[in-house]
Every structure is written in structure tokens, then in C-alpha cells.
Amino acid sequence: MKLSRAGLLFVFLLFAAASISGGCAKAPECKTSLVTLDETRLDAETYEQEAAETAKNIADLQKKLSDTKSNIDQVKDKPAELKKQADVLKKGSGRE
């Protein structure tokens, strides 16, 4: 079902009139107490501090992850050498 040009124009004008008339009312007064506003402000400050700490922790964990990945990459191709080192450590601890 297609709209004719006149119908499309009518729908457009209807939406335009609805949006214009909806923006003319006076905003209602704020009935929030100052105590509530102060508590909300303090909560926001706390959340901002927690977000900053979390961002720092994320950066630290990403650095540790990249260090661990590089260590894995270094020893990935050396299983025989690592087995020898493990054998030496076992002998030194008296398990073998």
C-alpha cells in the first residue's frame, strides 16, 4: 500500500505540528530536595573515582597479560630445554 504524495505530505505536516506543539510547554518545577541532590553528587564522585581506579587496574592487568604472553612465546618452542631444567630441579630437591 503506497501513500500518495498528498497523503505523505499530510503525514509529514502532522508530525511537524505534533513536534512543534509539544515543545512549547513550561518545564515543571524540580521537587527534589537539596539533600537528595548532595547525596547524588557524592555518589557520582564516588563512581568517578571507582571508574578511574578500575581503568588503572585494567591497564595494569593488560600489561601483565602482554608480559605473560611474551614469556609464553619465548618458551613455547623450547620443550626439551625446559624438560632438562625440570629434571635438574627435581634432582636438586631429592625427588629423583
PDB file of N, CA and C in Angstrom:
ATOM      1  N   MET A   1       0.843  -1.168   0.000  1.00  0.00           N
ATOM      2  CA  MET A   1       0.000   0.000   0.000  1.00  0.00           C
ATOM      3  C   MET A   1       0.893   1.238   0.000  1.00  0.00           C
ATOM      4  N   LYS A   2       0.840   1.986  -1.082  1.00  0.00           N
ATOM      5  CA  LYS A   2       1.650   3.188  -1.198  1.00  0.00           C
ATOM      6  C   LYS A   2       0.820   4.401  -0.817  1.00  0.00           C
ATOM      7  N   LEU A   3       1.499   5.364  -0.208  1.00  0.00           N
ATOM      8  CA  LEU A   3       0.832   6.626   0.094  1.00  0.00           C
ATOM      9  C   LEU A   3       0.996   7.563  -1.101  1.00  0.00           C
ATOM     10  N   SER A   4      -0.050   8.280  -1.391  1.00  0.00           N
ATOM     11  CA  SER A   4       0.058   9.273  -2.456  1.00  0.00           C
ATOM     12  C   SER A   4       0.873  10.452  -1.943  1.00  0.00           C
ATOM     13  N   ARG A   5       1.243  11.321  -2.814  1.00  0.00           N
ATOM     14  CA  ARG A   5       2.026  12.489  -2.406  1.00  0.00           C
ATOM     15  C   ARG A   5       1.250  13.351  -1.429  1.00  0.00           C
ATOM     16  N   ALA A   6      -0.019  13.477  -1.644  1.00  0.00           N
ATOM     17  CA  ALA A   6      -0.844  14.286  -0.738  1.00  0.00           C
ATOM     18  C   ALA A   6      -0.900  13.620   0.639  1.00  0.00           C
ATOM     19  N   GLY A   7      -1.020  12.310   0.664  1.00  0.00           N
ATOM     20  CA  GLY A   7      -1.057  11.594   1.936  1.00  0.00           C
ATOM     21  C   GLY A   7       0.277  11.691   2.660  1.00  0.00           C
ATOM     22  N   LEU A   8       1.357  11.584   1.932  1.00  0.00           N
ATOM     23  CA  LEU A   8       2.685  11.697   2.504  1.00  0.00           C
ATOM     24  C   LEU A   8       2.916  13.102   3.059  1.00  0.00           C
ATOM     25  N   LEU A   9       2.460  14.101   2.334  1.00  0.00           N
ATOM     26  CA  LEU A   9       2.573  15.484   2.793  1.00  0.00           C
ATOM     27  C   LEU A   9       1.754  15.689   4.048  1.00  0.00           C
ATOM     28  N   PHE A  10       0.555  15.106   4.094  1.00  0.00           N
ATOM     29  CA  PHE A  10      -0.302  15.235   5.267  1.00  0.00           C
ATOM     30  C   PHE A  10       0.362  14.602   6.492  1.00  0.00           C
ATOM     31  N   VAL A  11       0.952  13.415   6.339  1.00  0.00           N
ATOM     32  CA  VAL A  11       1.626  12.746   7.456  1.00  0.00           C
ATOM     33  C   VAL A  11       2.813  13.578   7.919  1.00  0.00           C
ATOM     34  N   PHE A  12       3.579  14.131   7.002  1.00  0.00           N
ATOM     35  CA  PHE A  12       4.718  14.961   7.355  1.00  0.00           C
ATOM     36  C   PHE A  12       4.264  16.194   8.133  1.00  0.00           C
ATOM     37  N   LEU A  13       3.213  16.863   7.661  1.00  0.00           N
ATOM     38  CA  LEU A  13       2.714  18.051   8.351  1.00  0.00           C
ATOM     39  C   LEU A  13       2.155  17.698   9.725  1.00  0.00           C
ATOM     40  N   LEU A  14       1.552  16.537   9.846  1.00  0.00           N
ATOM     41  CA  LEU A  14       1.015  16.098  11.128  1.00  0.00           C
ATOM     42  C   LEU A  14       2.147  15.887  12.136  1.00  0.00           C
ATOM     43  N   PHE A  15       3.221  15.237  11.723  1.00  0.00           N
ATOM     44  CA  PHE A  15       4.372  15.046  12.611  1.00  0.00           C
ATOM     45  C   PHE A  15       5.032  16.374  12.963  1.00  0.00           C
ATOM     46  N   ALA A  16       5.118  17.281  12.011  1.00  0.00           N
ATOM     47  CA  ALA A  16       5.716  18.591  12.263  1.00  0.00           C
ATOM     48  C   ALA A  16       4.885  19.365  13.278  1.00  0.00           C
ATOM     49  N   ALA A  17       3.581  19.339  13.128  1.00  0.00           N
ATOM     50  CA  ALA A  17       2.709  20.054  14.061  1.00  0.00           C
ATOM     51  C   ALA A  17       2.791  19.441  15.457  1.00  0.00           C
ATOM     52  N   ALA A  18       2.877  18.129  15.541  1.00  0.00           N
ATOM     53  CA  ALA A  18       2.960  17.473  16.841  1.00  0.00           C
ATOM     54  C   ALA A  18       4.276  17.808  17.537  1.00  0.00           C
ATOM     55  N   SER A  19       5.362  17.862  16.800  1.00  0.00           N
ATOM     56  CA  SER A  19       6.648  18.155  17.425  1.00  0.00           C
ATOM     57  C   SER A  19       6.748  19.608  17.846  1.00  0.00           C
ATOM     58  N   ILE A  20       6.162  20.512  17.080  1.00  0.00           N
ATOM     59  CA  ILE A  20       6.200  21.935  17.438  1.00  0.00           C
ATOM     60  C   ILE A  20       5.331  22.208  18.654  1.00  0.00           C
ATOM     61  N   SER A  21       4.151  21.643  18.698  1.00  0.00           N
ATOM     62  CA  SER A  21       3.245  21.928  19.803  1.00  0.00           C
ATOM     63  C   SER A  21       3.717  21.280  21.097  1.00  0.00           C
ATOM     64  N   GLY A  22       4.449  20.216  21.022  1.00  0.00           N
ATOM     65  CA  GLY A  22       4.921  19.540  22.227  1.00  0.00           C
ATOM     66  C   GLY A  22       6.050  20.278  22.917  1.00  0.00           C
ATOM     67  N   GLY A  23       6.742  21.162  22.250  1.00  0.00           N
ATOM     68  CA  GLY A  23       7.891  21.845  22.823  1.00  0.00           C
ATOM     69  C   GLY A  23       7.584  23.184  23.439  1.00  0.00           C
ATOM     70  N   CYS A  24       6.346  23.590  23.520  1.00  0.00           N
ATOM     71  CA  CYS A  24       6.007  24.927  23.983  1.00  0.00           C
ATOM     72  C   CYS A  24       5.603  24.989  25.448  1.00  0.00           C
ATOM     73  N   ALA A  25       5.466  23.892  26.109  1.00  0.00           N
ATOM     74  CA  ALA A  25       5.004  23.904  27.492  1.00  0.00           C
ATOM     75  C   ALA A  25       6.137  24.312  28.427  1.00  0.00           C
ATOM     76  N   LYS A  26       5.746  24.875  29.576  1.00  0.00           N
ATOM     77  CA  LYS A  26       6.721  25.287  30.576  1.00  0.00           C
ATOM     78  C   LYS A  26       7.198  24.038  31.319  1.00  0.00           C
ATOM     79  N   ALA A  27       8.466  23.980  31.617  1.00  0.00           N
ATOM     80  CA  ALA A  27       9.027  22.835  32.319  1.00  0.00           C
ATOM     81  C   ALA A  27       8.505  22.798  33.753  1.00  0.00           C
ATOM     82  N   PRO A  28       8.196  21.619  34.260  1.00  0.00           N
ATOM     83  CA  PRO A  28       7.711  21.532  35.641  1.00  0.00           C
ATOM     84  C   PRO A  28       8.827  21.868  36.623  1.00  0.00           C
ATOM     85  N   GLU A  29       8.435  22.370  37.796  1.00  0.00           N
ATOM     86  CA  GLU A  29       9.416  22.733  38.808  1.00  0.00           C
ATOM     87  C   GLU A  29      10.048  21.474  39.401  1.00  0.00           C
ATOM     88  N   CYS A  30      11.299  21.596  39.783  1.00  0.00           N
ATOM     89  CA  CYS A  30      12.020  20.479  40.381  1.00  0.00           C
ATOM     90  C   CYS A  30      11.607  20.363  41.842  1.00  0.00           C
ATOM     91  N   LYS A  31      11.145  19.179  42.232  1.00  0.00           N
ATOM     92  CA  LYS A  31      10.693  18.977  43.608  1.00  0.00           C
ATOM     93  C   LYS A  31      11.655  18.080  44.378  1.00  0.00           C
ATOM     94  N   THR A  32      12.906  18.053  43.967  1.00  0.00           N
ATOM     95  CA  THR A  32      13.912  17.239  44.627  1.00  0.00           C
ATOM     96  C   THR A  32      14.572  18.062  45.727  1.00  0.00           C
ATOM     97  N   SER A  33      14.764  17.441  46.877  1.00  0.00           N
ATOM     98  CA  SER A  33      15.370  18.168  47.998  1.00  0.00           C
ATOM     99  C   SER A  33      16.868  18.345  47.763  1.00  0.00           C
ATOM    100  N   LEU A  34      17.426  19.342  48.446  1.00  0.00           N
ATOM    101  CA  LEU A  34      18.861  19.601  48.319  1.00  0.00           C
ATOM    102  C   LEU A  34      19.684  18.459  48.890  1.00  0.00           C
ATOM    103  N   VAL A  35      19.149  17.780  49.911  1.00  0.00           N
ATOM    104  CA  VAL A  35      19.858  16.638  50.494  1.00  0.00           C
ATOM    105  C   VAL A  35      20.007  15.535  49.454  1.00  0.00           C
ATOM    106  N   THR A  36      18.938  15.270  48.723  1.00  0.00           N
ATOM    107  CA  THR A  36      18.983  14.238  47.688  1.00  0.00           C
ATOM    108  C   THR A  36      19.978  14.617  46.601  1.00  0.00           C
ATOM    109  N   LEU A  37      19.993  15.894  46.234  1.00  0.00           N
ATOM    110  CA  LEU A  37      20.946  16.346  45.220  1.00  0.00           C
ATOM    111  C   LEU A  37      22.386  16.181  45.696  1.00  0.00           C
ATOM    112  N   ASP A  38      22.652  16.536  46.965  1.00  0.00           N
ATOM    113  CA  ASP A  38      24.004  16.383  47.502  1.00  0.00           C
ATOM    114  C   ASP A  38      24.409  14.915  47.561  1.00  0.00           C
ATOM    115  N   GLU A  39      23.495  14.052  47.988  1.00  0.00           N
ATOM    116  CA  GLU A  39      23.807  12.620  48.038  1.00  0.00           C
ATOM    117  C   GLU A  39      24.103  12.082  46.644  1.00  0.00           C
ATOM    118  N   THR A  40      23.324  12.518  45.681  1.00  0.00           N
ATOM    119  CA  THR A  40      23.538  12.075  44.306  1.00  0.00           C
ATOM    120  C   THR A  40      24.878  12.568  43.785  1.00  0.00           C
ATOM    121  N   ARG A  41      25.234  13.794  44.112  1.00  0.00           N
ATOM    122  CA  ARG A  41      26.519  14.355  43.689  1.00  0.00           C
ATOM    123  C   ARG A  41      27.670  13.558  44.310  1.00  0.00           C
ATOM    124  N   LEU A  42      27.554  13.227  45.606  1.00  0.00           N
ATOM    125  CA  LEU A  42      28.597  12.440  46.262  1.00  0.00           C
ATOM    126  C   LEU A  42      28.694  11.043  45.653  1.00  0.00           C
ATOM    127  N   ASP A  43      27.550  10.443  45.342  1.00  0.00           N
ATOM    128  CA  ASP A  43      27.557   9.136  44.689  1.00  0.00           C
ATOM    129  C   ASP A  43      28.270   9.210  43.346  1.00  0.00           C
ATOM    130  N   ALA A  44      27.990  10.270  42.596  1.00  0.00           N
ATOM    131  CA  ALA A  44      28.620  10.433  41.285  1.00  0.00           C
ATOM    132  C   ALA A  44      30.133  10.564  41.424  1.00  0.00           C
ATOM    133  N   GLU A  45      30.580  11.329  42.425  1.00  0.00           N
ATOM    134  CA  GLU A  45      32.020  11.476  42.640  1.00  0.00           C
ATOM    135  C   GLU A  45      32.656  10.135  43.005  1.00  0.00           C
ATOM    136  N   THR A  46      31.963   9.368  43.843  1.00  0.00           N
ATOM    137  CA  THR A  46      32.478   8.045  44.227  1.00  0.00           C
ATOM    138  C   THR A  46      32.589   7.144  43.006  1.00  0.00           C
ATOM    139  N   TYR A  47      31.565   7.153  42.167  1.00  0.00           N
ATOM    140  CA  TYR A  47      31.580   6.318  40.969  1.00  0.00           C
ATOM    141  C   TYR A  47      32.684   6.735  40.012  1.00  0.00           C
ATOM    142  N   GLU A  48      32.946   8.038  39.916  1.00  0.00           N
ATOM    143  CA  GLU A  48      34.024   8.510  39.051  1.00  0.00           C
ATOM    144  C   GLU A  48      35.378   8.045  39.569  1.00  0.00           C
ATOM    145  N   GLN A  49      35.571   8.086  40.901  1.00  0.00           N
ATOM    146  CA  GLN A  49      36.827   7.606  41.479  1.00  0.00           C
ATOM    147  C   GLN A  49      36.992   6.107  41.235  1.00  0.00           C
ATOM    148  N   GLU A  50      35.909   5.350  41.434  1.00  0.00           N
ATOM    149  CA  GLU A  50      35.974   3.912  41.200  1.00  0.00           C
ATOM    150  C   GLU A  50      36.276   3.607  39.734  1.00  0.00           C
ATOM    151  N   ALA A  51      35.705   4.392  38.839  1.00  0.00           N
ATOM    152  CA  ALA A  51      35.959   4.188  37.412  1.00  0.00           C
ATOM    153  C   ALA A  51      37.425   4.464  37.085  1.00  0.00           C
ATOM    154  N   ALA A  52      38.000   5.495  37.697  1.00  0.00           N
ATOM    155  CA  ALA A  52      39.414   5.799  37.458  1.00  0.00           C
ATOM    156  C   ALA A  52      40.308   4.676  37.983  1.00  0.00           C
ATOM    157  N   GLU A  53      39.983   4.160  39.180  1.00  0.00           N
ATOM    158  CA  GLU A  53      40.760   3.056  39.743  1.00  0.00           C
ATOM    159  C   GLU A  53      40.628   1.801  38.879  1.00  0.00           C
ATOM    160  N   THR A  54      39.426   1.561  38.395  1.00  0.00           N
ATOM    161  CA  THR A  54      39.204   0.392  37.543  1.00  0.00           C
ATOM    162  C   THR A  54      39.990   0.521  36.243  1.00  0.00           C
ATOM    163  N   ALA A  55      40.019   1.703  35.676  1.00  0.00           N
ATOM    164  CA  ALA A  55      40.786   1.915  34.442  1.00  0.00           C
ATOM    165  C   ALA A  55      42.273   1.658  34.689  1.00  0.00           C
ATOM    166  N   LYS A  56      42.771   2.100  35.854  1.00  0.00           N
ATOM    167  CA  LYS A  56      44.177   1.857  36.193  1.00  0.00           C
ATOM    168  C   LYS A  56      44.431   0.361  36.351  1.00  0.00           C
ATOM    169  N   ASN A  57      43.513  -0.325  37.028  1.00  0.00           N
ATOM    170  CA  ASN A  57      43.662  -1.778  37.205  1.00  0.00           C
ATOM    171  C   ASN A  57      43.636  -2.500  35.866  1.00  0.00           C
ATOM    172  N   ILE A  58      42.781  -2.062  34.973  1.00  0.00           N
ATOM    173  CA  ILE A  58      42.707  -2.675  33.646  1.00  0.00           C
ATOM    174  C   ILE A  58      44.028  -2.504  32.912  1.00  0.00           C
ATOM    175  N   ALA A  59      44.592  -1.305  32.989  1.00  0.00           N
ATOM    176  CA  ALA A  59      45.875  -1.057  32.318  1.00  0.00           C
ATOM    177  C   ALA A  59      46.967  -1.957  32.901  1.00  0.00           C
ATOM    178  N   ASP A  60      46.976  -2.099  34.241  1.00  0.00           N
ATOM    179  CA  ASP A  60      47.983  -2.968  34.873  1.00  0.00           C
ATOM    180  C   ASP A  60      47.799  -4.424  34.438  1.00  0.00           C
ATOM    181  N   LEU A  61      46.552  -4.880  34.424  1.00  0.00           N
ATOM    182  CA  LEU A  61      46.290  -6.265  34.028  1.00  0.00           C
ATOM    183  C   LEU A  61      46.621  -6.511  32.561  1.00  0.00           C
ATOM    184  N   GLN A  62      46.365  -5.520  31.714  1.00  0.00           N
ATOM    185  CA  GLN A  62      46.718  -5.679  30.297  1.00  0.00           C
ATOM    186  C   GLN A  62      48.234  -5.770  30.121  1.00  0.00           C
ATOM    187  N   LYS A  63      48.978  -4.999  30.921  1.00  0.00           N
ATOM    188  CA  LYS A  63      50.440  -5.078  30.852  1.00  0.00           C
ATOM    189  C   LYS A  63      50.917  -6.446  31.321  1.00  0.00           C
ATOM    190  N   LYS A  64      50.345  -6.948  32.427  1.00  0.00           N
ATOM    191  CA  LYS A  64      50.734  -8.278  32.919  1.00  0.00           C
ATOM    192  C   LYS A  64      50.400  -9.347  31.889  1.00  0.00           C
ATOM    193  N   LEU A  65      49.254  -9.202  31.240  1.00  0.00           N
ATOM    194  CA  LEU A  65      48.855 -10.169  30.221  1.00  0.00           C
ATOM    195  C   LEU A  65      49.827 -10.168  29.052  1.00  0.00           C
ATOM    196  N   SER A  66      50.209  -8.979  28.593  1.00  0.00           N
ATOM    197  CA  SER A  66      51.149  -8.927  27.469  1.00  0.00           C
ATOM    198  C   SER A  66      52.513  -9.483  27.877  1.00  0.00           C
ATOM    199  N   ASP A  67      52.941  -9.224  29.132  1.00  0.00           N
ATOM    200  CA  ASP A  67      54.210  -9.789  29.599  1.00  0.00           C
ATOM    201  C   ASP A  67      54.143 -11.315  29.643  1.00  0.00           C
ATOM    202  N   THR A  68      53.028 -11.838  30.145  1.00  0.00           N
ATOM    203  CA  THR A  68      52.861 -13.287  30.224  1.00  0.00           C
ATOM    204  C   THR A  68      52.830 -13.914  28.836  1.00  0.00           C
ATOM    205  N   LYS A  69      52.136 -13.256  27.898  1.00  0.00           N
ATOM    206  CA  LYS A  69      52.093 -13.777  26.527  1.00  0.00           C
ATOM    207  C   LYS A  69      53.483 -13.789  25.907  1.00  0.00           C
ATOM    208  N   SER A  70      54.268 -12.738  26.173  1.00  0.00           N
ATOM    209  CA  SER A  70      55.623 -12.717  25.608  1.00  0.00           C
ATOM    210  C   SER A  70      56.486 -13.800  26.241  1.00  0.00           C
ATOM    211  N   ASN A  71      56.299 -14.062  27.549  1.00  0.00           N
ATOM    212  CA  ASN A  71      57.044 -15.158  28.190  1.00  0.00           C
ATOM    213  C   ASN A  71      56.649 -16.495  27.586  1.00  0.00           C
ATOM    214  N   ILE A  72      55.378 -16.686  27.333  1.00  0.00           N
ATOM    215  CA  ILE A  72      54.913 -17.928  26.713  1.00  0.00           C
ATOM    216  C   ILE A  72      55.509 -18.083  25.329  1.00  0.00           C
ATOM    217  N   ASP A  73      55.525 -16.996  24.567  1.00  0.00           N
ATOM    218  CA  ASP A  73      56.088 -17.056  23.218  1.00  0.00           C
ATOM    219  C   ASP A  73      57.581 -17.405  23.251  1.00  0.00           C
ATOM    220  N   GLN A  74      58.284 -16.937  24.288  1.00  0.00           N
ATOM    221  CA  GLN A  74      59.712 -17.216  24.393  1.00  0.00           C
ATOM    222  C   GLN A  74      59.995 -18.682  24.678  1.00  0.00           C
ATOM    223  N   VAL A  75      59.166 -19.324  25.489  1.00  0.00           N
ATOM    224  CA  VAL A  75      59.440 -20.712  25.879  1.00  0.00           C
ATOM    225  C   VAL A  75      58.601 -21.723  25.114  1.00  0.00           C
ATOM    226  N   LYS A  76      57.747 -21.278  24.238  1.00  0.00           N
ATOM    227  CA  LYS A  76      56.848 -22.169  23.510  1.00  0.00           C
ATOM    228  C   LYS A  76      57.607 -23.198  22.665  1.00  0.00           C
ATOM    229  N   ASP A  77      58.692 -22.786  22.067  1.00  0.00           N
ATOM    230  CA  ASP A  77      59.426 -23.661  21.155  1.00  0.00           C
ATOM    231  C   ASP A  77      60.608 -24.364  21.823  1.00  0.00           C
ATOM    232  N   LYS A  78      60.651 -24.403  23.157  1.00  0.00           N
ATOM    233  CA  LYS A  78      61.785 -24.989  23.854  1.00  0.00           C
ATOM    234  C   LYS A  78      61.353 -26.074  24.843  1.00  0.00           C
ATOM    235  N   PRO A  79      60.530 -27.054  24.456  1.00  0.00           N
ATOM    236  CA  PRO A  79      60.081 -28.058  25.436  1.00  0.00           C
ATOM    237  C   PRO A  79      61.212 -28.959  25.932  1.00  0.00           C
ATOM    238  N   ALA A  80      62.169 -29.308  25.085  1.00  0.00           N
ATOM    239  CA  ALA A  80      63.259 -30.190  25.509  1.00  0.00           C
ATOM    240  C   ALA A  80      64.140 -29.488  26.544  1.00  0.00           C
ATOM    241  N   GLU A  81      64.450 -28.232  26.306  1.00  0.00           N
ATOM    242  CA  GLU A  81      65.277 -27.469  27.238  1.00  0.00           C
ATOM    243  C   GLU A  81      64.567 -27.304  28.582  1.00  0.00           C
ATOM    244  N   LEU A  82      63.266 -27.044  28.533  1.00  0.00           N
ATOM    245  CA  LEU A  82      62.502 -26.887  29.765  1.00  0.00           C
ATOM    246  C   LEU A  82      62.416 -28.203  30.535  1.00  0.00           C
ATOM    247  N   LYS A  83      62.322 -29.317  29.829  1.00  0.00           N
ATOM    248  CA  LYS A  83      62.287 -30.627  30.489  1.00  0.00           C
ATOM    249  C   LYS A  83      63.599 -30.884  31.209  1.00  0.00           C
ATOM    250  N   LYS A  84      64.720 -30.512  30.585  1.00  0.00           N
ATOM    251  CA  LYS A  84      66.027 -30.674  31.225  1.00  0.00           C
ATOM    252  C   LYS A  84      66.092 -29.834  32.509  1.00  0.00           C
ATOM    253  N   GLN A  85      65.613 -28.608  32.445  1.00  0.00           N
ATOM    254  CA  GLN A  85      65.626 -27.745  33.628  1.00  0.00           C
ATOM    255  C   GLN A  85      64.755 -28.332  34.733  1.00  0.00           C
ATOM    256  N   ALA A  86      63.606 -28.892  34.361  1.00  0.00           N
ATOM    257  CA  ALA A  86      62.721 -29.513  35.355  1.00  0.00           C
ATOM    258  C   ALA A  86      63.393 -30.720  35.988  1.00  0.00           C
ATOM    259  N   ASP A  87      64.099 -31.508  35.190  1.00  0.00           N
ATOM    260  CA  ASP A  87      64.809 -32.668  35.723  1.00  0.00           C
ATOM    261  C   ASP A  87      65.897 -32.247  36.712  1.00  0.00           C
ATOM    262  N   VAL A  88      66.624 -31.178  36.384  1.00  0.00           N
ATOM    263  CA  VAL A  88      67.662 -30.665  37.277  1.00  0.00           C
ATOM    264  C   VAL A  88      67.041 -30.211  38.589  1.00  0.00           C
ATOM    265  N   LEU A  89      65.913 -29.529  38.520  1.00  0.00           N
ATOM    266  CA  LEU A  89      65.248 -29.060  39.737  1.00  0.00           C
ATOM    267  C   LEU A  89      64.744 -30.230  40.573  1.00  0.00           C
ATOM    268  N   LYS A  90      64.259 -31.291  39.910  1.00  0.00           N
ATOM    269  CA  LYS A  90      63.794 -32.457  40.649  1.00  0.00           C
ATOM    270  C   LYS A  90      64.947 -33.135  41.383  1.00  0.00           C
ATOM    271  N   LYS A  91      66.099 -33.252  40.717  1.00  0.00           N
ATOM    272  CA  LYS A  91      67.262 -33.876  41.336  1.00  0.00           C
ATOM    273  C   LYS A  91      67.730 -33.068  42.547  1.00  0.00           C
ATOM    274  N   GLY A  92      67.704 -31.762  42.407  1.00  0.00           N
ATOM    275  CA  GLY A  92      68.142 -30.883  43.496  1.00  0.00           C
ATOM    276  C   GLY A  92      67.212 -30.950  44.703  1.00  0.00           C
ATOM    277  N   SER A  93      65.958 -31.261  44.489  1.00  0.00           N
ATOM    278  CA  SER A  93      65.005 -31.309  45.605  1.00  0.00           C
ATOM    279  C   SER A  93      64.924 -32.706  46.219  1.00  0.00           C
ATOM    280  N   GLY A  94      65.632 -33.682  45.646  1.00  0.00           N
ATOM    281  CA  GLY A  94      65.645 -35.027  46.179  1.00  0.00           C
ATOM    282  C   GLY A  94      64.460 -35.868  45.768  1.00  0.00           C
ATOM    283  N   ARG A  95      63.700 -35.452  44.809  1.00  0.00           N
ATOM    284  CA  ARG A  95      62.542 -36.237  44.360  1.00  0.00           C
ATOM    285  C   ARG A  95      62.930 -37.288  43.347  1.00  0.00           C
ATOM    286  N   GLU A  96      64.138 -37.244  42.850  1.00  0.00           N
ATOM    287  CA  GLU A  96      64.505 -38.212  41.823  1.00  0.00           C
ATOM    288  C   GLU A  96      65.757 -38.929  42.173  1.00  0.00           C
TER     289      GLU A  96
END
